[in-house]
Each structure stands twice: as structure tokens, then as C-alpha cells.
Amino acid sequence: MDTISARCLMCSKTYTVDESHKDYKKLVAQEKPVATFICDLCNYRVQHESEEKHKPKKPM
């Protein structure tokens, strides 16, 4: 199974991404020594913060 080294744009962690990952084809097409993407943890974090911001404010 082929793998590629990729770095998250938000948290800067380096991951080894294999062929089964959803963004593998995009990462291979970047043709950089270390490809960049947004990891699942950061993706979920941004989604959660966005949902929390759009919730109505509770009255004091």
C-alpha cells in the first residue's frame, strides 16, 4: 500500500496518508516534498466552532 507524508495546515502535525484516505489523490497531485492538507481533527474543530457561533445566545 502506497503512503505519502503530508502536513496539516492548521496544527502542523505530519501524517502518513495511505491510499484509503479520502484526500490521497489530491495530495499526490500536489507534487511537493511534503504535501499539505487539513487533518480530520482540525476539520472537526472548525466545524464545531462554526456551529457554536451560529447558536442563539442564552439570556442572562
PDB file of N, CA and C in Angstrom:
ATOM      1  N   MET A   1       0.854  -1.182   0.000  1.00  0.00           N
ATOM      2  CA  MET A   1       0.000   0.000   0.000  1.00  0.00           C
ATOM      3  C   MET A   1       0.895   1.239   0.000  1.00  0.00           C
ATOM      4  N   ASP A   2       0.631   2.164  -0.907  1.00  0.00           N
ATOM      5  CA  ASP A   2       1.427   3.381  -1.013  1.00  0.00           C
ATOM      6  C   ASP A   2       1.006   4.379   0.055  1.00  0.00           C
ATOM      7  N   THR A   3       1.989   5.117   0.557  1.00  0.00           N
ATOM      8  CA  THR A   3       1.730   6.169   1.537  1.00  0.00           C
ATOM      9  C   THR A   3       2.451   7.430   1.110  1.00  0.00           C
ATOM     10  N   ILE A   4       1.983   8.555   1.622  1.00  0.00           N
ATOM     11  CA  ILE A   4       2.605   9.848   1.346  1.00  0.00           C
ATOM     12  C   ILE A   4       2.670  10.623   2.658  1.00  0.00           C
ATOM     13  N   SER A   5       3.703  11.416   2.832  1.00  0.00           N
ATOM     14  CA  SER A   5       3.846  12.243   4.017  1.00  0.00           C
ATOM     15  C   SER A   5       3.149  13.573   3.751  1.00  0.00           C
ATOM     16  N   ALA A   6       2.279  13.969   4.672  1.00  0.00           N
ATOM     17  CA  ALA A   6       1.522  15.211   4.497  1.00  0.00           C
ATOM     18  C   ALA A   6       1.467  15.965   5.818  1.00  0.00           C
ATOM     19  N   ARG A   7       1.439  17.295   5.731  1.00  0.00           N
ATOM     20  CA  ARG A   7       1.423  18.146   6.911  1.00  0.00           C
ATOM     21  C   ARG A   7       0.109  18.907   6.971  1.00  0.00           C
ATOM     22  N   CYS A   8      -0.461  19.005   8.177  1.00  0.00           N
ATOM     23  CA  CYS A   8      -1.705  19.744   8.375  1.00  0.00           C
ATOM     24  C   CYS A   8      -1.402  21.245   8.353  1.00  0.00           C
ATOM     25  N   LEU A   9      -2.244  22.009   7.685  1.00  0.00           N
ATOM     26  CA  LEU A   9      -2.049  23.453   7.597  1.00  0.00           C
ATOM     27  C   LEU A   9      -2.359  24.175   8.903  1.00  0.00           C
ATOM     28  N   MET A  10      -3.198  23.597   9.739  1.00  0.00           N
ATOM     29  CA  MET A  10      -3.618  24.286  10.952  1.00  0.00           C
ATOM     30  C   MET A  10      -2.786  23.915  12.176  1.00  0.00           C
ATOM     31  N   CYS A  11      -2.537  22.626  12.385  1.00  0.00           N
ATOM     32  CA  CYS A  11      -1.810  22.197  13.588  1.00  0.00           C
ATOM     33  C   CYS A  11      -0.354  21.829  13.301  1.00  0.00           C
ATOM     34  N   SER A  12       0.051  21.782  12.051  1.00  0.00           N
ATOM     35  CA  SER A  12       1.422  21.499  11.608  1.00  0.00           C
ATOM     36  C   SER A  12       1.923  20.106  11.962  1.00  0.00           C
ATOM     37  N   LYS A  13       1.038  19.196  12.290  1.00  0.00           N
ATOM     38  CA  LYS A  13       1.460  17.817  12.529  1.00  0.00           C
ATOM     39  C   LYS A  13       1.701  17.141  11.189  1.00  0.00           C
ATOM     40  N   THR A  14       2.652  16.211  11.171  1.00  0.00           N
ATOM     41  CA  THR A  14       2.941  15.461   9.964  1.00  0.00           C
ATOM     42  C   THR A  14       2.270  14.102  10.061  1.00  0.00           C
ATOM     43  N   TYR A  15       1.559  13.736   9.018  1.00  0.00           N
ATOM     44  CA  TYR A  15       0.825  12.477   8.973  1.00  0.00           C
ATOM     45  C   TYR A  15       1.312  11.650   7.792  1.00  0.00           C
ATOM     46  N   THR A  16       1.211  10.337   7.924  1.00  0.00           N
ATOM     47  CA  THR A  16       1.427   9.461   6.787  1.00  0.00           C
ATOM     48  C   THR A  16       0.057   9.048   6.290  1.00  0.00           C
ATOM     49  N   VAL A  17      -0.243   9.420   5.074  1.00  0.00           N
ATOM     50  CA  VAL A  17      -1.560   9.193   4.494  1.00  0.00           C
ATOM     51  C   VAL A  17      -1.444   8.037   3.508  1.00  0.00           C
ATOM     52  N   ASP A  18      -2.315   7.037   3.658  1.00  0.00           N
ATOM     53  CA  ASP A  18      -2.276   5.894   2.743  1.00  0.00           C
ATOM     54  C   ASP A  18      -3.350   6.029   1.666  1.00  0.00           C
ATOM     55  N   GLU A  19      -3.392   5.049   0.784  1.00  0.00           N
ATOM     56  CA  GLU A  19      -4.301   5.100  -0.371  1.00  0.00           C
ATOM     57  C   GLU A  19      -5.772   5.143   0.009  1.00  0.00           C
ATOM     58  N   SER A  20      -6.127   4.664   1.193  1.00  0.00           N
ATOM     59  CA  SER A  20      -7.532   4.607   1.578  1.00  0.00           C
ATOM     60  C   SER A  20      -8.074   5.959   2.055  1.00  0.00           C
ATOM     61  N   HIS A  21      -7.210   6.948   2.274  1.00  0.00           N
ATOM     62  CA  HIS A  21      -7.649   8.267   2.741  1.00  0.00           C
ATOM     63  C   HIS A  21      -8.394   8.995   1.627  1.00  0.00           C
ATOM     64  N   LYS A  22      -9.382   9.802   2.000  1.00  0.00           N
ATOM     65  CA  LYS A  22     -10.225  10.478   1.006  1.00  0.00           C
ATOM     66  C   LYS A  22      -9.463  11.526   0.196  1.00  0.00           C
ATOM     67  N   ASP A  23      -8.406  12.129   0.738  1.00  0.00           N
ATOM     68  CA  ASP A  23      -7.662  13.180   0.051  1.00  0.00           C
ATOM     69  C   ASP A  23      -6.367  12.682  -0.581  1.00  0.00           C
ATOM     70  N   TYR A  24      -6.170  11.390  -0.674  1.00  0.00           N
ATOM     71  CA  TYR A  24      -4.901  10.845  -1.162  1.00  0.00           C
ATOM     72  C   TYR A  24      -4.588  11.312  -2.581  1.00  0.00           C
ATOM     73  N   LYS A  25      -5.545  11.265  -3.475  1.00  0.00           N
ATOM     74  CA  LYS A  25      -5.297  11.649  -4.870  1.00  0.00           C
ATOM     75  C   LYS A  25      -4.925  13.125  -4.988  1.00  0.00           C
ATOM     76  N   LYS A  26      -5.558  13.976  -4.179  1.00  0.00           N
ATOM     77  CA  LYS A  26      -5.235  15.398  -4.198  1.00  0.00           C
ATOM     78  C   LYS A  26      -3.815  15.645  -3.685  1.00  0.00           C
ATOM     79  N   LEU A  27      -3.415  14.894  -2.662  1.00  0.00           N
ATOM     80  CA  LEU A  27      -2.086  15.069  -2.093  1.00  0.00           C
ATOM     81  C   LEU A  27      -0.998  14.617  -3.060  1.00  0.00           C
ATOM     82  N   VAL A  28      -1.233  13.546  -3.774  1.00  0.00           N
ATOM     83  CA  VAL A  28      -0.259  13.065  -4.754  1.00  0.00           C
ATOM     84  C   VAL A  28      -0.130  14.070  -5.897  1.00  0.00           C
ATOM     85  N   ALA A  29      -1.219  14.713  -6.277  1.00  0.00           N
ATOM     86  CA  ALA A  29      -1.209  15.669  -7.378  1.00  0.00           C
ATOM     87  C   ALA A  29      -0.475  16.960  -7.030  1.00  0.00           C
ATOM     88  N   GLN A  30      -0.247  17.245  -5.743  1.00  0.00           N
ATOM     89  CA  GLN A  30       0.433  18.486  -5.350  1.00  0.00           C
ATOM     90  C   GLN A  30       1.902  18.505  -5.755  1.00  0.00           C
ATOM     91  N   GLU A  31       2.536  17.347  -5.869  1.00  0.00           N
ATOM     92  CA  GLU A  31       3.930  17.221  -6.292  1.00  0.00           C
ATOM     93  C   GLU A  31       4.866  18.088  -5.466  1.00  0.00           C
ATOM     94  N   LYS A  32       4.702  18.082  -4.157  1.00  0.00           N
ATOM     95  CA  LYS A  32       5.592  18.793  -3.239  1.00  0.00           C
ATOM     96  C   LYS A  32       6.313  17.757  -2.382  1.00  0.00           C
ATOM     97  N   PRO A  33       7.454  18.117  -1.785  1.00  0.00           N
ATOM     98  CA  PRO A  33       8.134  17.154  -0.903  1.00  0.00           C
ATOM     99  C   PRO A  33       7.255  16.743   0.285  1.00  0.00           C
ATOM    100  N   VAL A  34       6.583  17.731   0.870  1.00  0.00           N
ATOM    101  CA  VAL A  34       5.624  17.452   1.944  1.00  0.00           C
ATOM    102  C   VAL A  34       4.307  18.107   1.543  1.00  0.00           C
ATOM    103  N   ALA A  35       3.328  17.300   1.202  1.00  0.00           N
ATOM    104  CA  ALA A  35       2.023  17.815   0.789  1.00  0.00           C
ATOM    105  C   ALA A  35       1.299  18.414   1.991  1.00  0.00           C
ATOM    106  N   THR A  36       0.348  19.310   1.734  1.00  0.00           N
ATOM    107  CA  THR A  36      -0.400  19.951   2.811  1.00  0.00           C
ATOM    108  C   THR A  36      -1.885  19.658   2.665  1.00  0.00           C
ATOM    109  N   PHE A  37      -2.538  19.512   3.808  1.00  0.00           N
ATOM    110  CA  PHE A  37      -3.976  19.290   3.856  1.00  0.00           C
ATOM    111  C   PHE A  37      -4.455  19.678   5.236  1.00  0.00           C
ATOM    112  N   ILE A  38      -5.758  19.582   5.495  1.00  0.00           N
ATOM    113  CA  ILE A  38      -6.310  19.845   6.824  1.00  0.00           C
ATOM    114  C   ILE A  38      -6.754  18.509   7.403  1.00  0.00           C
ATOM    115  N   CYS A  39      -6.187  18.157   8.549  1.00  0.00           N
ATOM    116  CA  CYS A  39      -6.462  16.849   9.148  1.00  0.00           C
ATOM    117  C   CYS A  39      -7.899  16.787   9.675  1.00  0.00           C
ATOM    118  N   ASP A  40      -8.335  15.578   9.972  1.00  0.00           N
ATOM    119  CA  ASP A  40      -9.706  15.370  10.437  1.00  0.00           C
ATOM    120  C   ASP A  40      -9.978  16.077  11.759  1.00  0.00           C
ATOM    121  N   LEU A  41      -9.014  16.061  12.673  1.00  0.00           N
ATOM    122  CA  LEU A  41      -9.203  16.701  13.974  1.00  0.00           C
ATOM    123  C   LEU A  41      -9.430  18.205  13.815  1.00  0.00           C
ATOM    124  N   CYS A  42      -8.622  18.864  13.016  1.00  0.00           N
ATOM    125  CA  CYS A  42      -8.790  20.304  12.788  1.00  0.00           C
ATOM    126  C   CYS A  42     -10.075  20.589  12.022  1.00  0.00           C
ATOM    127  N   ASN A  43     -10.424  19.714  11.102  1.00  0.00           N
ATOM    128  CA  ASN A  43     -11.659  19.880  10.345  1.00  0.00           C
ATOM    129  C   ASN A  43     -12.868  19.839  11.283  1.00  0.00           C
ATOM    130  N   TYR A  44     -12.889  18.878  12.197  1.00  0.00           N
ATOM    131  CA  TYR A  44     -13.988  18.777  13.160  1.00  0.00           C
ATOM    132  C   TYR A  44     -13.992  19.952  14.126  1.00  0.00           C
ATOM    133  N   ARG A  45     -12.810  20.437  14.503  1.00  0.00           N
ATOM    134  CA  ARG A  45     -12.712  21.564  15.424  1.00  0.00           C
ATOM    135  C   ARG A  45     -13.318  22.820  14.795  1.00  0.00           C
ATOM    136  N   VAL A  46     -12.993  23.091  13.544  1.00  0.00           N
ATOM    137  CA  VAL A  46     -13.529  24.267  12.852  1.00  0.00           C
ATOM    138  C   VAL A  46     -15.034  24.138  12.673  1.00  0.00           C
ATOM    139  N   GLN A  47     -15.494  22.949  12.343  1.00  0.00           N
ATOM    140  CA  GLN A  47     -16.933  22.726  12.170  1.00  0.00           C
ATOM    141  C   GLN A  47     -17.670  22.966  13.486  1.00  0.00           C
ATOM    142  N   HIS A  48     -17.127  22.485  14.600  1.00  0.00           N
ATOM    143  CA  HIS A  48     -17.766  22.660  15.910  1.00  0.00           C
ATOM    144  C   HIS A  48     -17.808  24.144  16.301  1.00  0.00           C
ATOM    145  N   GLU A  49     -16.695  24.857  16.096  1.00  0.00           N
ATOM    146  CA  GLU A  49     -16.664  26.277  16.428  1.00  0.00           C
ATOM    147  C   GLU A  49     -17.664  27.065  15.585  1.00  0.00           C
ATOM    148  N   SER A  50     -17.818  26.688  14.338  1.00  0.00           N
ATOM    149  CA  SER A  50     -18.769  27.362  13.471  1.00  0.00           C
ATOM    150  C   SER A  50     -20.206  27.124  13.937  1.00  0.00           C
ATOM    151  N   GLU A  51     -20.512  25.889  14.307  1.00  0.00           N
ATOM    152  CA  GLU A  51     -21.862  25.579  14.798  1.00  0.00           C
ATOM    153  C   GLU A  51     -22.147  26.291  16.104  1.00  0.00           C
ATOM    154  N   GLU A  52     -21.163  26.385  16.990  1.00  0.00           N
ATOM    155  CA  GLU A  52     -21.362  27.065  18.267  1.00  0.00           C
ATOM    156  C   GLU A  52     -21.585  28.567  18.071  1.00  0.00           C
ATOM    157  N   LYS A  53     -20.922  29.141  17.092  1.00  0.00           N
ATOM    158  CA  LYS A  53     -21.069  30.566  16.852  1.00  0.00           C
ATOM    159  C   LYS A  53     -22.468  30.899  16.335  1.00  0.00           C
ATOM    160  N   HIS A  54     -23.077  30.007  15.585  1.00  0.00           N
ATOM    161  CA  HIS A  54     -24.387  30.281  14.996  1.00  0.00           C
ATOM    162  C   HIS A  54     -25.552  29.937  15.921  1.00  0.00           C
ATOM    163  N   LYS A  55     -25.267  29.381  17.076  1.00  0.00           N
ATOM    164  CA  LYS A  55     -26.338  29.087  18.024  1.00  0.00           C
ATOM    165  C   LYS A  55     -26.825  30.397  18.646  1.00  0.00           C
ATOM    166  N   PRO A  56     -28.104  30.470  18.981  1.00  0.00           N
ATOM    167  CA  PRO A  56     -28.602  31.704  19.615  1.00  0.00           C
ATOM    168  C   PRO A  56     -27.990  31.872  21.016  1.00  0.00           C
ATOM    169  N   LYS A  57     -27.768  33.124  21.390  1.00  0.00           N
ATOM    170  CA  LYS A  57     -27.182  33.425  22.707  1.00  0.00           C
ATOM    171  C   LYS A  57     -28.224  33.205  23.793  1.00  0.00           C
ATOM    172  N   LYS A  58     -27.768  32.669  24.915  1.00  0.00           N
ATOM    173  CA  LYS A  58     -28.676  32.450  26.049  1.00  0.00           C
ATOM    174  C   LYS A  58     -28.832  33.748  26.827  1.00  0.00           C
ATOM    175  N   PRO A  59     -30.050  34.070  27.254  1.00  0.00           N
ATOM    176  CA  PRO A  59     -30.234  35.297  28.042  1.00  0.00           C
ATOM    177  C   PRO A  59     -29.636  35.132  29.438  1.00  0.00           C
ATOM    178  N   MET A  60     -29.145  36.200  29.952  1.00  0.00           N
ATOM    179  CA  MET A  60     -28.520  36.164  31.285  1.00  0.00           C
ATOM    180  C   MET A  60     -29.553  36.323  32.357  1.00  0.00           C
TER     181      MET A  60
END
